[in-house]
């Protein structure tokens, strides 16, 4: 049992007041645009299959199978969109395993929204408008820039991520102190596999490229590799890339947005590929969300969607050094 001052909140009264004010701004922002607020379940039947996201399983007394705490409201919100909800947003707590550090707490708050008929560029415009509203004075001197994923790597590492060999990627990762970075390029499918490349690209983006982005700016990175499309459409003009973006500010990733994939067969194939990769990595494979796939088959309207990390955005607005400064109770003292 913890004792001492562990019962006290980690955020000051001032930070809690700032948190409440920013949540009010979020709701005012979407109310002014006629976007409907929705509230979907925290406890869900199907976890995500993404190998980089780890769902928390829960067992409810009196029930047989395990349920999961959602890592994002995306699947449920897409079911609402397919049912005719129109433009929607949500502010909710989500839970992800293996996430703890200066920018991470297992339980955190997302602002997620979907806009019908929006292009990725229009959604980036709206994300910028909301983030500037939330940052207030902290955004005044920040310019906005938009870079492709390739441009970001070329600028920061002098490396083309779309054409570099696995050996070149491993060499770029060597300064991170990996004892044998070449091992990341030799997964079971073979040294030239997309899986091996993506492990290195994710590592380089997280440790060498991303921390340099958004310094005094709001930096949107778009045109991610097709192998990192997640739930985004591929770009019809360049099949090597996906219609996906991320927003960086002071080296911190704040948002992740997609021109949403609407094809049920393609989504099912991606779920299967995710599970194959999970098996290769020794992670549990997950049953796919058949309700989501049924919704896509029924017809997801053309839309773009994005998830914004509210706590991280508040960190930038408050000039906080650690996420605990903007949370009432982080998980280790919840």
C-alpha atoms as a PDB file:
ATOM      1  CA  UNK A   1       0.000   0.000   0.000  1.00  0.00           C
ATOM      2  CA  UNK A   2       1.339   3.439  -0.925  1.00  0.00           C
ATOM      3  CA  UNK A   3       1.600   6.043   1.792  1.00  0.00           C
ATOM      4  CA  UNK A   4       2.967   9.487   2.385  1.00  0.00           C
ATOM      5  CA  UNK A   5       1.816  12.177  -0.025  1.00  0.00           C
ATOM      6  CA  UNK A   6       0.924   9.657  -2.740  1.00  0.00           C
ATOM      7  CA  UNK A   7      -2.769  10.473  -2.310  1.00  0.00           C
ATOM      8  CA  UNK A   8      -2.292  14.006  -3.597  1.00  0.00           C
ATOM      9  CA  UNK A   9      -2.913  14.913  -7.257  1.00  0.00           C
ATOM     10  CA  UNK A  10       0.139  15.362  -9.448  1.00  0.00           C
ATOM     11  CA  UNK A  11      -1.417  18.401 -11.182  1.00  0.00           C
ATOM     12  CA  UNK A  12      -1.727  21.741  -9.431  1.00  0.00           C
ATOM     13  CA  UNK A  13      -5.054  23.538  -8.964  1.00  0.00           C
ATOM     14  CA  UNK A  14      -3.927  25.952 -11.679  1.00  0.00           C
ATOM     15  CA  UNK A  15      -3.308  23.103 -14.122  1.00  0.00           C
ATOM     16  CA  UNK A  16      -6.679  21.514 -13.324  1.00  0.00           C
ATOM     17  CA  UNK A  17      -8.387  24.830 -14.041  1.00  0.00           C
ATOM     18  CA  UNK A  18      -6.474  25.154 -17.303  1.00  0.00           C
ATOM     19  CA  UNK A  19      -7.486  21.604 -18.225  1.00  0.00           C
ATOM     20  CA  UNK A  20     -11.155  22.412 -17.642  1.00  0.00           C
ATOM     21  CA  UNK A  21     -10.885  25.615 -19.682  1.00  0.00           C
ATOM     22  CA  UNK A  22      -9.337  23.789 -22.641  1.00  0.00           C
ATOM     23  CA  UNK A  23     -11.989  21.063 -22.554  1.00  0.00           C
ATOM     24  CA  UNK A  24     -14.616  23.808 -22.727  1.00  0.00           C
ATOM     25  CA  UNK A  25     -12.798  25.317 -25.718  1.00  0.00           C
ATOM     26  CA  UNK A  26     -12.876  21.960 -27.498  1.00  0.00           C
ATOM     27  CA  UNK A  27     -16.642  21.723 -27.124  1.00  0.00           C
ATOM     28  CA  UNK A  28     -17.179  25.359 -28.135  1.00  0.00           C
ATOM     29  CA  UNK A  29     -15.001  24.809 -31.216  1.00  0.00           C
ATOM     30  CA  UNK A  30     -17.094  21.906 -32.499  1.00  0.00           C
ATOM     31  CA  UNK A  31     -20.431  23.402 -31.448  1.00  0.00           C
ATOM     32  CA  UNK A  32     -19.646  26.436 -33.610  1.00  0.00           C
ATOM     33  CA  UNK A  33     -19.079  24.079 -36.561  1.00  0.00           C
ATOM     34  CA  UNK A  34     -22.191  21.987 -36.017  1.00  0.00           C
ATOM     35  CA  UNK A  35     -20.276  18.810 -35.156  1.00  0.00           C
ATOM     36  CA  UNK A  36     -22.238  16.404 -32.945  1.00  0.00           C
ATOM     37  CA  UNK A  37     -20.660  15.200 -29.698  1.00  0.00           C
ATOM     38  CA  UNK A  38     -21.011  11.442 -29.150  1.00  0.00           C
ATOM     39  CA  UNK A  39     -20.098   9.062 -26.341  1.00  0.00           C
ATOM     40  CA  UNK A  40     -19.152   5.480 -27.202  1.00  0.00           C
ATOM     41  CA  UNK A  41     -18.305   2.580 -24.831  1.00  0.00           C
ATOM     42  CA  UNK A  42     -15.035   2.321 -22.951  1.00  0.00           C
ATOM     43  CA  UNK A  43     -15.487  -1.460 -22.643  1.00  0.00           C
ATOM     44  CA  UNK A  44     -15.490  -3.131 -26.070  1.00  0.00           C
ATOM     45  CA  UNK A  45     -15.620  -6.641 -27.497  1.00  0.00           C
ATOM     46  CA  UNK A  46     -12.698  -6.438 -29.926  1.00  0.00           C
ATOM     47  CA  UNK A  47      -9.214  -4.990 -29.404  1.00  0.00           C
ATOM     48  CA  UNK A  48      -7.140  -3.307 -32.088  1.00  0.00           C
ATOM     49  CA  UNK A  49      -4.767  -5.411 -34.179  1.00  0.00           C
ATOM     50  CA  UNK A  50      -2.044  -2.770 -34.650  1.00  0.00           C
ATOM     51  CA  UNK A  51       1.246  -4.258 -33.433  1.00  0.00           C
ATOM     52  CA  UNK A  52       2.283  -0.956 -31.848  1.00  0.00           C
ATOM     53  CA  UNK A  53      -0.844  -0.591 -29.704  1.00  0.00           C
ATOM     54  CA  UNK A  54      -1.540  -2.886 -26.751  1.00  0.00           C
ATOM     55  CA  UNK A  55      -5.103  -3.319 -25.500  1.00  0.00           C
ATOM     56  CA  UNK A  56      -5.957  -3.948 -21.859  1.00  0.00           C
ATOM     57  CA  UNK A  57      -8.169  -6.988 -21.279  1.00  0.00           C
ATOM     58  CA  UNK A  58     -10.860  -6.902 -18.581  1.00  0.00           C
ATOM     59  CA  UNK A  59     -13.159  -9.588 -17.220  1.00  0.00           C
ATOM     60  CA  UNK A  60     -16.522  -8.491 -15.902  1.00  0.00           C
ATOM     61  CA  UNK A  61     -18.044 -10.415 -13.001  1.00  0.00           C
ATOM     62  CA  UNK A  62     -20.859 -12.618 -14.215  1.00  0.00           C
ATOM     63  CA  UNK A  63     -19.692 -12.673 -17.853  1.00  0.00           C
ATOM     64  CA  UNK A  64     -17.768 -15.338 -19.721  1.00  0.00           C
ATOM     65  CA  UNK A  65     -15.433 -13.883 -22.340  1.00  0.00           C
ATOM     66  CA  UNK A  66     -12.909 -11.143 -21.783  1.00  0.00           C
ATOM     67  CA  UNK A  67     -13.649  -7.631 -22.882  1.00  0.00           C
ATOM     68  CA  UNK A  68     -11.166  -4.860 -23.614  1.00  0.00           C
ATOM     69  CA  UNK A  69     -10.736  -1.200 -22.734  1.00  0.00           C
ATOM     70  CA  UNK A  70     -10.730   0.784 -25.937  1.00  0.00           C
ATOM     71  CA  UNK A  71      -7.450   2.281 -27.163  1.00  0.00           C
ATOM     72  CA  UNK A  72      -9.402   4.685 -29.374  1.00  0.00           C
ATOM     73  CA  UNK A  73     -13.104   5.233 -30.074  1.00  0.00           C
ATOM     74  CA  UNK A  74     -12.419   4.855 -33.804  1.00  0.00           C
ATOM     75  CA  UNK A  75     -14.236   1.593 -34.493  1.00  0.00           C
ATOM     76  CA  UNK A  76     -17.402   2.619 -32.672  1.00  0.00           C
ATOM     77  CA  UNK A  77     -17.401   6.096 -34.217  1.00  0.00           C
ATOM     78  CA  UNK A  78     -17.125   4.615 -37.691  1.00  0.00           C
ATOM     79  CA  UNK A  79     -20.161   2.463 -36.959  1.00  0.00           C
ATOM     80  CA  UNK A  80     -22.033   5.663 -36.086  1.00  0.00           C
ATOM     81  CA  UNK A  81     -20.848   7.294 -39.296  1.00  0.00           C
ATOM     82  CA  UNK A  82     -22.044   4.315 -41.351  1.00  0.00           C
ATOM     83  CA  UNK A  83     -25.425   4.566 -39.594  1.00  0.00           C
ATOM     84  CA  UNK A  84     -25.830   8.190 -40.710  1.00  0.00           C
ATOM     85  CA  UNK A  85     -24.587  10.225 -37.737  1.00  0.00           C
ATOM     86  CA  UNK A  86     -22.970  12.927 -39.846  1.00  0.00           C
ATOM     87  CA  UNK A  87     -19.961  14.861 -38.531  1.00  0.00           C
ATOM     88  CA  UNK A  88     -19.084  13.719 -34.999  1.00  0.00           C
ATOM     89  CA  UNK A  89     -16.501  14.272 -32.276  1.00  0.00           C
ATOM     90  CA  UNK A  90     -15.727  12.723 -28.912  1.00  0.00           C
ATOM     91  CA  UNK A  91     -13.632  13.533 -25.853  1.00  0.00           C
ATOM     92  CA  UNK A  92     -12.788  10.326 -24.016  1.00  0.00           C
ATOM     93  CA  UNK A  93     -10.323   8.431 -21.874  1.00  0.00           C
ATOM     94  CA  UNK A  94      -8.499   5.569 -23.598  1.00  0.00           C
ATOM     95  CA  UNK A  95      -6.106   2.945 -22.215  1.00  0.00           C
ATOM     96  CA  UNK A  96      -2.973   1.484 -23.803  1.00  0.00           C
ATOM     97  CA  UNK A  97      -0.455  -0.917 -22.320  1.00  0.00           C
ATOM     98  CA  UNK A  98       3.332  -0.445 -22.228  1.00  0.00           C
ATOM     99  CA  UNK A  99       2.980   3.341 -22.244  1.00  0.00           C
ATOM    100  CA  UNK A 100       4.643   5.245 -19.398  1.00  0.00           C
ATOM    101  CA  UNK A 101       7.133   8.088 -19.515  1.00  0.00           C
ATOM    102  CA  UNK A 102       7.459  11.830 -19.887  1.00  0.00           C
ATOM    103  CA  UNK A 103       4.861  11.911 -22.675  1.00  0.00           C
ATOM    104  CA  UNK A 104       2.967   8.723 -21.837  1.00  0.00           C
ATOM    105  CA  UNK A 105       0.458   7.518 -19.259  1.00  0.00           C
ATOM    106  CA  UNK A 106      -1.461   4.255 -19.813  1.00  0.00           C
ATOM    107  CA  UNK A 107      -4.752   6.145 -19.430  1.00  0.00           C
ATOM    108  CA  UNK A 108      -5.032   9.395 -21.345  1.00  0.00           C
ATOM    109  CA  UNK A 109      -7.539  11.654 -23.090  1.00  0.00           C
ATOM    110  CA  UNK A 110      -8.186  11.791 -26.822  1.00  0.00           C
ATOM    111  CA  UNK A 111     -10.201  14.275 -28.832  1.00  0.00           C
ATOM    112  CA  UNK A 112     -11.295  12.335 -31.908  1.00  0.00           C
ATOM    113  CA  UNK A 113     -13.443  13.596 -34.747  1.00  0.00           C
ATOM    114  CA  UNK A 114     -14.647  12.743 -38.259  1.00  0.00           C
ATOM    115  CA  UNK A 115     -15.645  15.130 -41.044  1.00  0.00           C
ATOM    116  CA  UNK A 116     -17.706  13.998 -44.020  1.00  0.00           C
ATOM    117  CA  UNK A 117     -16.425  15.054 -47.424  1.00  0.00           C
ATOM    118  CA  UNK A 118     -13.234  16.590 -45.992  1.00  0.00           C
ATOM    119  CA  UNK A 119      -9.960  16.133 -47.804  1.00  0.00           C
ATOM    120  CA  UNK A 120      -6.860  15.417 -45.768  1.00  0.00           C
ATOM    121  CA  UNK A 121      -5.754  18.988 -46.416  1.00  0.00           C
ATOM    122  CA  UNK A 122      -9.035  20.406 -45.073  1.00  0.00           C
ATOM    123  CA  UNK A 123      -8.704  18.261 -41.967  1.00  0.00           C
ATOM    124  CA  UNK A 124      -5.153  19.499 -41.395  1.00  0.00           C
ATOM    125  CA  UNK A 125      -6.513  23.053 -41.620  1.00  0.00           C
ATOM    126  CA  UNK A 126      -9.117  22.253 -38.964  1.00  0.00           C
ATOM    127  CA  UNK A 127      -6.610  20.500 -36.697  1.00  0.00           C
ATOM    128  CA  UNK A 128      -4.378  23.554 -36.883  1.00  0.00           C
ATOM    129  CA  UNK A 129      -7.304  25.842 -36.048  1.00  0.00           C
ATOM    130  CA  UNK A 130      -8.264  23.772 -33.002  1.00  0.00           C
ATOM    131  CA  UNK A 131      -4.697  23.406 -31.749  1.00  0.00           C
ATOM    132  CA  UNK A 132      -4.093  27.148 -32.063  1.00  0.00           C
ATOM    133  CA  UNK A 133      -7.312  27.724 -30.115  1.00  0.00           C
ATOM    134  CA  UNK A 134      -6.139  25.373 -27.368  1.00  0.00           C
ATOM    135  CA  UNK A 135      -2.551  26.596 -27.196  1.00  0.00           C
ATOM    136  CA  UNK A 136      -3.557  30.236 -26.965  1.00  0.00           C
ATOM    137  CA  UNK A 137      -0.469  32.415 -26.325  1.00  0.00           C
ATOM    138  CA  UNK A 138       1.816  29.400 -26.814  1.00  0.00           C
ATOM    139  CA  UNK A 139       0.798  29.341 -30.499  1.00  0.00           C
ATOM    140  CA  UNK A 140       1.213  33.028 -31.285  1.00  0.00           C
ATOM    141  CA  UNK A 141       4.750  32.846 -32.666  1.00  0.00           C
ATOM    142  CA  UNK A 142       4.437  29.423 -34.247  1.00  0.00           C
ATOM    143  CA  UNK A 143       4.341  29.126 -38.009  1.00  0.00           C
ATOM    144  CA  UNK A 144       2.739  26.144 -39.718  1.00  0.00           C
ATOM    145  CA  UNK A 145       4.554  23.836 -42.103  1.00  0.00           C
ATOM    146  CA  UNK A 146       3.618  20.745 -44.037  1.00  0.00           C
ATOM    147  CA  UNK A 147       6.188  18.163 -45.035  1.00  0.00           C
ATOM    148  CA  UNK A 148       5.852  14.777 -46.649  1.00  0.00           C
ATOM    149  CA  UNK A 149       7.248  11.879 -44.653  1.00  0.00           C
ATOM    150  CA  UNK A 150      10.002  11.652 -47.250  1.00  0.00           C
ATOM    151  CA  UNK A 151      10.832  15.364 -46.944  1.00  0.00           C
ATOM    152  CA  UNK A 152      11.059  15.080 -43.161  1.00  0.00           C
ATOM    153  CA  UNK A 153      13.564  12.210 -43.384  1.00  0.00           C
ATOM    154  CA  UNK A 154      15.591  13.909 -46.101  1.00  0.00           C
ATOM    155  CA  UNK A 155      15.730  17.143 -44.101  1.00  0.00           C
ATOM    156  CA  UNK A 156      16.663  15.579 -40.770  1.00  0.00           C
ATOM    157  CA  UNK A 157      18.667  12.494 -41.815  1.00  0.00           C
ATOM    158  CA  UNK A 158      19.561  13.082 -45.492  1.00  0.00           C
ATOM    159  CA  UNK A 159      17.840   9.749 -46.133  1.00  0.00           C
ATOM    160  CA  UNK A 160      14.993   8.787 -48.477  1.00  0.00           C
ATOM    161  CA  UNK A 161      12.755   6.461 -46.419  1.00  0.00           C
ATOM    162  CA  UNK A 162      10.883   5.202 -49.480  1.00  0.00           C
ATOM    163  CA  UNK A 163      13.952   3.943 -51.353  1.00  0.00           C
ATOM    164  CA  UNK A 164      16.671   3.431 -48.716  1.00  0.00           C
ATOM    165  CA  UNK A 165      17.907  -0.128 -48.289  1.00  0.00           C
ATOM    166  CA  UNK A 166      17.498  -1.947 -44.962  1.00  0.00           C
ATOM    167  CA  UNK A 167      21.266  -1.596 -44.472  1.00  0.00           C
ATOM    168  CA  UNK A 168      21.043   2.197 -44.928  1.00  0.00           C
ATOM    169  CA  UNK A 169      18.172   2.386 -42.445  1.00  0.00           C
ATOM    170  CA  UNK A 170      20.100   0.276 -39.942  1.00  0.00           C
ATOM    171  CA  UNK A 171      23.136   2.526 -40.357  1.00  0.00           C
ATOM    172  CA  UNK A 172      20.974   5.579 -39.618  1.00  0.00           C
ATOM    173  CA  UNK A 173      19.701   3.821 -36.477  1.00  0.00           C
ATOM    174  CA  UNK A 174      23.203   2.909 -35.255  1.00  0.00           C
ATOM    175  CA  UNK A 175      23.754   6.210 -33.324  1.00  0.00           C
ATOM    176  CA  UNK A 176      20.832   5.217 -31.099  1.00  0.00           C
ATOM    177  CA  UNK A 177      23.108   2.653 -29.483  1.00  0.00           C
ATOM    178  CA  UNK A 178      21.610  -0.531 -30.873  1.00  0.00           C
ATOM    179  CA  UNK A 179      24.125  -3.319 -30.439  1.00  0.00           C
ATOM    180  CA  UNK A 180      22.982  -5.127 -33.579  1.00  0.00           C
ATOM    181  CA  UNK A 181      20.633  -2.915 -35.586  1.00  0.00           C
ATOM    182  CA  UNK A 182      20.859  -5.279 -38.563  1.00  0.00           C
ATOM    183  CA  UNK A 183      18.717  -7.752 -36.626  1.00  0.00           C
ATOM    184  CA  UNK A 184      15.769  -5.445 -37.086  1.00  0.00           C
ATOM    185  CA  UNK A 185      16.086  -5.912 -40.840  1.00  0.00           C
ATOM    186  CA  UNK A 186      15.942  -9.711 -40.601  1.00  0.00           C
ATOM    187  CA  UNK A 187      12.493 -10.737 -39.339  1.00  0.00           C
ATOM    188  CA  UNK A 188      11.071 -14.111 -40.216  1.00  0.00           C
ATOM    189  CA  UNK A 189       9.701 -12.991 -43.643  1.00  0.00           C
ATOM    190  CA  UNK A 190      13.238 -12.040 -44.787  1.00  0.00           C
ATOM    191  CA  UNK A 191      15.699  -9.140 -44.581  1.00  0.00           C
ATOM    192  CA  UNK A 192      13.959  -7.051 -47.218  1.00  0.00           C
ATOM    193  CA  UNK A 193      10.486  -7.409 -45.744  1.00  0.00           C
ATOM    194  CA  UNK A 194       8.138  -4.500 -45.124  1.00  0.00           C
ATOM    195  CA  UNK A 195       8.023  -5.563 -41.479  1.00  0.00           C
ATOM    196  CA  UNK A 196      11.778  -5.122 -41.038  1.00  0.00           C
ATOM    197  CA  UNK A 197      11.788  -1.783 -42.831  1.00  0.00           C
ATOM    198  CA  UNK A 198       8.884  -0.498 -40.799  1.00  0.00           C
ATOM    199  CA  UNK A 199      10.523  -1.424 -37.495  1.00  0.00           C
ATOM    200  CA  UNK A 200      13.513   0.694 -38.469  1.00  0.00           C
ATOM    201  CA  UNK A 201      11.431   3.533 -39.890  1.00  0.00           C
ATOM    202  CA  UNK A 202       9.309   3.647 -36.734  1.00  0.00           C
ATOM    203  CA  UNK A 203      12.462   3.704 -34.635  1.00  0.00           C
ATOM    204  CA  UNK A 204      14.013   6.491 -36.706  1.00  0.00           C
ATOM    205  CA  UNK A 205      10.850   8.589 -36.703  1.00  0.00           C
ATOM    206  CA  UNK A 206      10.394   8.169 -32.965  1.00  0.00           C
ATOM    207  CA  UNK A 207      13.997   8.802 -31.918  1.00  0.00           C
ATOM    208  CA  UNK A 208      15.763  10.826 -34.603  1.00  0.00           C
ATOM    209  CA  UNK A 209      13.231  12.601 -36.844  1.00  0.00           C
ATOM    210  CA  UNK A 210      10.140  13.325 -34.740  1.00  0.00           C
ATOM    211  CA  UNK A 211      11.982  15.043 -31.834  1.00  0.00           C
ATOM    212  CA  UNK A 212      13.366  17.595 -34.326  1.00  0.00           C
ATOM    213  CA  UNK A 213       9.973  18.456 -35.809  1.00  0.00           C
ATOM    214  CA  UNK A 214       7.713  21.313 -34.748  1.00  0.00           C
ATOM    215  CA  UNK A 215      10.430  23.367 -33.094  1.00  0.00           C
ATOM    216  CA  UNK A 216       8.693  26.721 -32.799  1.00  0.00           C
ATOM    217  CA  UNK A 217       6.146  25.472 -35.328  1.00  0.00           C
ATOM    218  CA  UNK A 218       3.143  23.301 -35.964  1.00  0.00           C
ATOM    219  CA  UNK A 219       4.566  20.699 -38.334  1.00  0.00           C
ATOM    220  CA  UNK A 220       2.283  18.361 -40.264  1.00  0.00           C
ATOM    221  CA  UNK A 221       3.959  15.277 -41.717  1.00  0.00           C
ATOM    222  CA  UNK A 222       1.900  13.530 -44.394  1.00  0.00           C
ATOM    223  CA  UNK A 223       2.241  10.874 -47.121  1.00  0.00           C
ATOM    224  CA  UNK A 224       3.368   8.098 -44.771  1.00  0.00           C
ATOM    225  CA  UNK A 225       4.647   4.853 -46.340  1.00  0.00           C
ATOM    226  CA  UNK A 226       1.829   2.616 -47.569  1.00  0.00           C
ATOM    227  CA  UNK A 227       3.018  -0.083 -45.148  1.00  0.00           C
ATOM    228  CA  UNK A 228       2.121   2.318 -42.302  1.00  0.00           C
ATOM    229  CA  UNK A 229      -1.314   3.220 -43.628  1.00  0.00           C
ATOM    230  CA  UNK A 230      -3.121   1.768 -40.575  1.00  0.00           C
ATOM    231  CA  UNK A 231      -6.775   2.636 -41.300  1.00  0.00           C
ATOM    232  CA  UNK A 232      -6.033   5.211 -44.010  1.00  0.00           C
ATOM    233  CA  UNK A 233      -6.524   5.012 -47.759  1.00  0.00           C
ATOM    234  CA  UNK A 234      -3.557   4.673 -50.065  1.00  0.00           C
ATOM    235  CA  UNK A 235      -2.788   7.689 -52.222  1.00  0.00           C
ATOM    236  CA  UNK A 236      -4.133   7.070 -55.744  1.00  0.00           C
ATOM    237  CA  UNK A 237      -1.424   9.375 -57.109  1.00  0.00           C
ATOM    238  CA  UNK A 238       1.418   7.439 -55.417  1.00  0.00           C
ATOM    239  CA  UNK A 239       0.700   3.889 -54.269  1.00  0.00           C
ATOM    240  CA  UNK A 240       3.882   3.959 -52.150  1.00  0.00           C
ATOM    241  CA  UNK A 241       2.207   6.349 -49.708  1.00  0.00           C
ATOM    242  CA  UNK A 242      -0.919   6.581 -47.565  1.00  0.00           C
ATOM    243  CA  UNK A 243      -3.354   9.450 -47.022  1.00  0.00           C
ATOM    244  CA  UNK A 244      -2.247   9.881 -43.423  1.00  0.00           C
ATOM    245  CA  UNK A 245      -0.706  12.712 -41.408  1.00  0.00           C
ATOM    246  CA  UNK A 246       0.717  13.409 -37.967  1.00  0.00           C
ATOM    247  CA  UNK A 247       1.118  16.758 -36.217  1.00  0.00           C
ATOM    248  CA  UNK A 248       4.290  17.593 -34.284  1.00  0.00           C
ATOM    249  CA  UNK A 249       4.881  20.490 -31.913  1.00  0.00           C
ATOM    250  CA  UNK A 250       8.139  20.931 -29.971  1.00  0.00           C
ATOM    251  CA  UNK A 251       9.142  17.440 -31.052  1.00  0.00           C
ATOM    252  CA  UNK A 252       5.943  15.948 -29.586  1.00  0.00           C
ATOM    253  CA  UNK A 253       3.426  14.043 -31.697  1.00  0.00           C
ATOM    254  CA  UNK A 254       0.025  15.585 -30.999  1.00  0.00           C
ATOM    255  CA  UNK A 255      -2.319  14.170 -33.642  1.00  0.00           C
ATOM    256  CA  UNK A 256      -2.734  11.325 -36.129  1.00  0.00           C
ATOM    257  CA  UNK A 257      -5.201  11.700 -39.005  1.00  0.00           C
ATOM    258  CA  UNK A 258      -6.444   9.645 -41.955  1.00  0.00           C
ATOM    259  CA  UNK A 259      -8.482   9.901 -45.111  1.00  0.00           C
ATOM    260  CA  UNK A 260     -10.459   6.949 -43.851  1.00  0.00           C
ATOM    261  CA  UNK A 261     -10.380   3.560 -45.528  1.00  0.00           C
ATOM    262  CA  UNK A 262     -13.928   2.587 -46.506  1.00  0.00           C
ATOM    263  CA  UNK A 263     -13.357  -0.838 -48.089  1.00  0.00           C
ATOM    264  CA  UNK A 264     -14.405  -3.783 -45.915  1.00  0.00           C
ATOM    265  CA  UNK A 265     -12.363  -6.359 -47.916  1.00  0.00           C
ATOM    266  CA  UNK A 266      -9.226  -4.210 -47.737  1.00  0.00           C
ATOM    267  CA  UNK A 267      -9.747  -3.606 -44.024  1.00  0.00           C
ATOM    268  CA  UNK A 268     -10.152  -7.338 -43.426  1.00  0.00           C
ATOM    269  CA  UNK A 269      -6.923  -7.994 -45.337  1.00  0.00           C
ATOM    270  CA  UNK A 270      -5.095  -5.417 -43.212  1.00  0.00           C
ATOM    271  CA  UNK A 271      -6.417  -7.003 -40.019  1.00  0.00           C
ATOM    272  CA  UNK A 272      -5.102 -10.364 -41.247  1.00  0.00           C
ATOM    273  CA  UNK A 273      -1.699  -8.840 -42.049  1.00  0.00           C
ATOM    274  CA  UNK A 274      -1.595  -7.241 -38.600  1.00  0.00           C
ATOM    275  CA  UNK A 275      -2.320 -10.579 -36.932  1.00  0.00           C
ATOM    276  CA  UNK A 276       0.358 -12.314 -38.986  1.00  0.00           C
ATOM    277  CA  UNK A 277       2.846  -9.685 -37.817  1.00  0.00           C
ATOM    278  CA  UNK A 278       1.649 -10.010 -34.220  1.00  0.00           C
ATOM    279  CA  UNK A 279       2.253 -13.750 -34.396  1.00  0.00           C
ATOM    280  CA  UNK A 280       5.745 -13.173 -35.807  1.00  0.00           C
ATOM    281  CA  UNK A 281       6.542 -10.842 -32.928  1.00  0.00           C
ATOM    282  CA  UNK A 282       5.198 -13.231 -30.300  1.00  0.00           C
ATOM    283  CA  UNK A 283       2.156 -11.068 -29.555  1.00  0.00           C
ATOM    284  CA  UNK A 284      -1.353 -12.522 -29.234  1.00  0.00           C
ATOM    285  CA  UNK A 285      -3.423 -12.468 -32.415  1.00  0.00           C
ATOM    286  CA  UNK A 286      -6.833 -10.857 -31.988  1.00  0.00           C
ATOM    287  CA  UNK A 287     -10.258 -11.657 -33.357  1.00  0.00           C
ATOM    288  CA  UNK A 288     -11.229  -8.937 -35.815  1.00  0.00           C
ATOM    289  CA  UNK A 289     -14.060  -6.517 -35.116  1.00  0.00           C
ATOM    290  CA  UNK A 290     -16.790  -7.990 -37.316  1.00  0.00           C
ATOM    291  CA  UNK A 291     -19.172  -5.164 -36.414  1.00  0.00           C
ATOM    292  CA  UNK A 292     -16.753  -2.614 -37.836  1.00  0.00           C
ATOM    293  CA  UNK A 293     -16.334  -4.660 -40.993  1.00  0.00           C
ATOM    294  CA  UNK A 294     -20.128  -4.952 -41.331  1.00  0.00           C
ATOM    295  CA  UNK A 295     -20.434  -1.184 -40.963  1.00  0.00           C
ATOM    296  CA  UNK A 296     -17.830  -0.639 -43.695  1.00  0.00           C
ATOM    297  CA  UNK A 297     -19.666  -3.105 -45.921  1.00  0.00           C
ATOM    298  CA  UNK A 298     -22.919  -1.222 -45.303  1.00  0.00           C
ATOM    299  CA  UNK A 299     -21.220   1.952 -46.472  1.00  0.00           C
ATOM    300  CA  UNK A 300     -18.889   4.335 -44.662  1.00  0.00           C
ATOM    301  CA  UNK A 301     -19.340   7.828 -46.094  1.00  0.00           C
ATOM    302  CA  UNK A 302     -16.289   9.504 -47.574  1.00  0.00           C
ATOM    303  CA  UNK A 303     -14.633  11.141 -44.576  1.00  0.00           C
ATOM    304  CA  UNK A 304     -11.407  12.142 -42.884  1.00  0.00           C
ATOM    305  CA  UNK A 305     -10.777  11.594 -39.184  1.00  0.00           C
ATOM    306  CA  UNK A 306      -8.181  12.456 -36.579  1.00  0.00           C
ATOM    307  CA  UNK A 307      -7.254  11.765 -32.954  1.00  0.00           C
ATOM    308  CA  UNK A 308      -5.630  14.573 -30.962  1.00  0.00           C
ATOM    309  CA  UNK A 309      -3.782  13.852 -27.725  1.00  0.00           C
ATOM    310  CA  UNK A 310      -5.444  16.275 -25.336  1.00  0.00           C
ATOM    311  CA  UNK A 311      -2.994  15.837 -22.442  1.00  0.00           C
ATOM    312  CA  UNK A 312       0.032  16.451 -24.667  1.00  0.00           C
ATOM    313  CA  UNK A 313      -1.619  19.517 -26.174  1.00  0.00           C
ATOM    314  CA  UNK A 314      -2.239  20.805 -22.659  1.00  0.00           C
ATOM    315  CA  UNK A 315       1.425  20.114 -21.839  1.00  0.00           C
ATOM    316  CA  UNK A 316       2.501  22.431 -24.668  1.00  0.00           C
ATOM    317  CA  UNK A 317      -0.048  25.086 -23.683  1.00  0.00           C
ATOM    318  CA  UNK A 318       1.087  24.941 -20.029  1.00  0.00           C
ATOM    319  CA  UNK A 319       4.773  24.554 -20.908  1.00  0.00           C
ATOM    320  CA  UNK A 320       4.806  21.430 -18.739  1.00  0.00           C
ATOM    321  CA  UNK A 321       7.835  19.137 -18.833  1.00  0.00           C
ATOM    322  CA  UNK A 322       6.007  15.910 -17.878  1.00  0.00           C
ATOM    323  CA  UNK A 323       2.529  14.571 -18.584  1.00  0.00           C
ATOM    324  CA  UNK A 324       1.965  14.046 -14.837  1.00  0.00           C
ATOM    325  CA  UNK A 325       1.849  17.832 -14.447  1.00  0.00           C
ATOM    326  CA  UNK A 326      -1.436  17.988 -16.366  1.00  0.00           C
ATOM    327  CA  UNK A 327      -3.112  14.838 -14.984  1.00  0.00           C
ATOM    328  CA  UNK A 328      -5.002  14.737 -11.679  1.00  0.00           C
ATOM    329  CA  UNK A 329      -3.770  11.205 -10.939  1.00  0.00           C
ATOM    330  CA  UNK A 330      -1.416   9.266 -13.257  1.00  0.00           C
ATOM    331  CA  UNK A 331      -1.984   5.519 -13.307  1.00  0.00           C
ATOM    332  CA  UNK A 332       0.718   4.698 -10.763  1.00  0.00           C
ATOM    333  CA  UNK A 333      -1.140   6.726  -8.139  1.00  0.00           C
ATOM    334  CA  UNK A 334      -4.691   6.314  -9.424  1.00  0.00           C
END
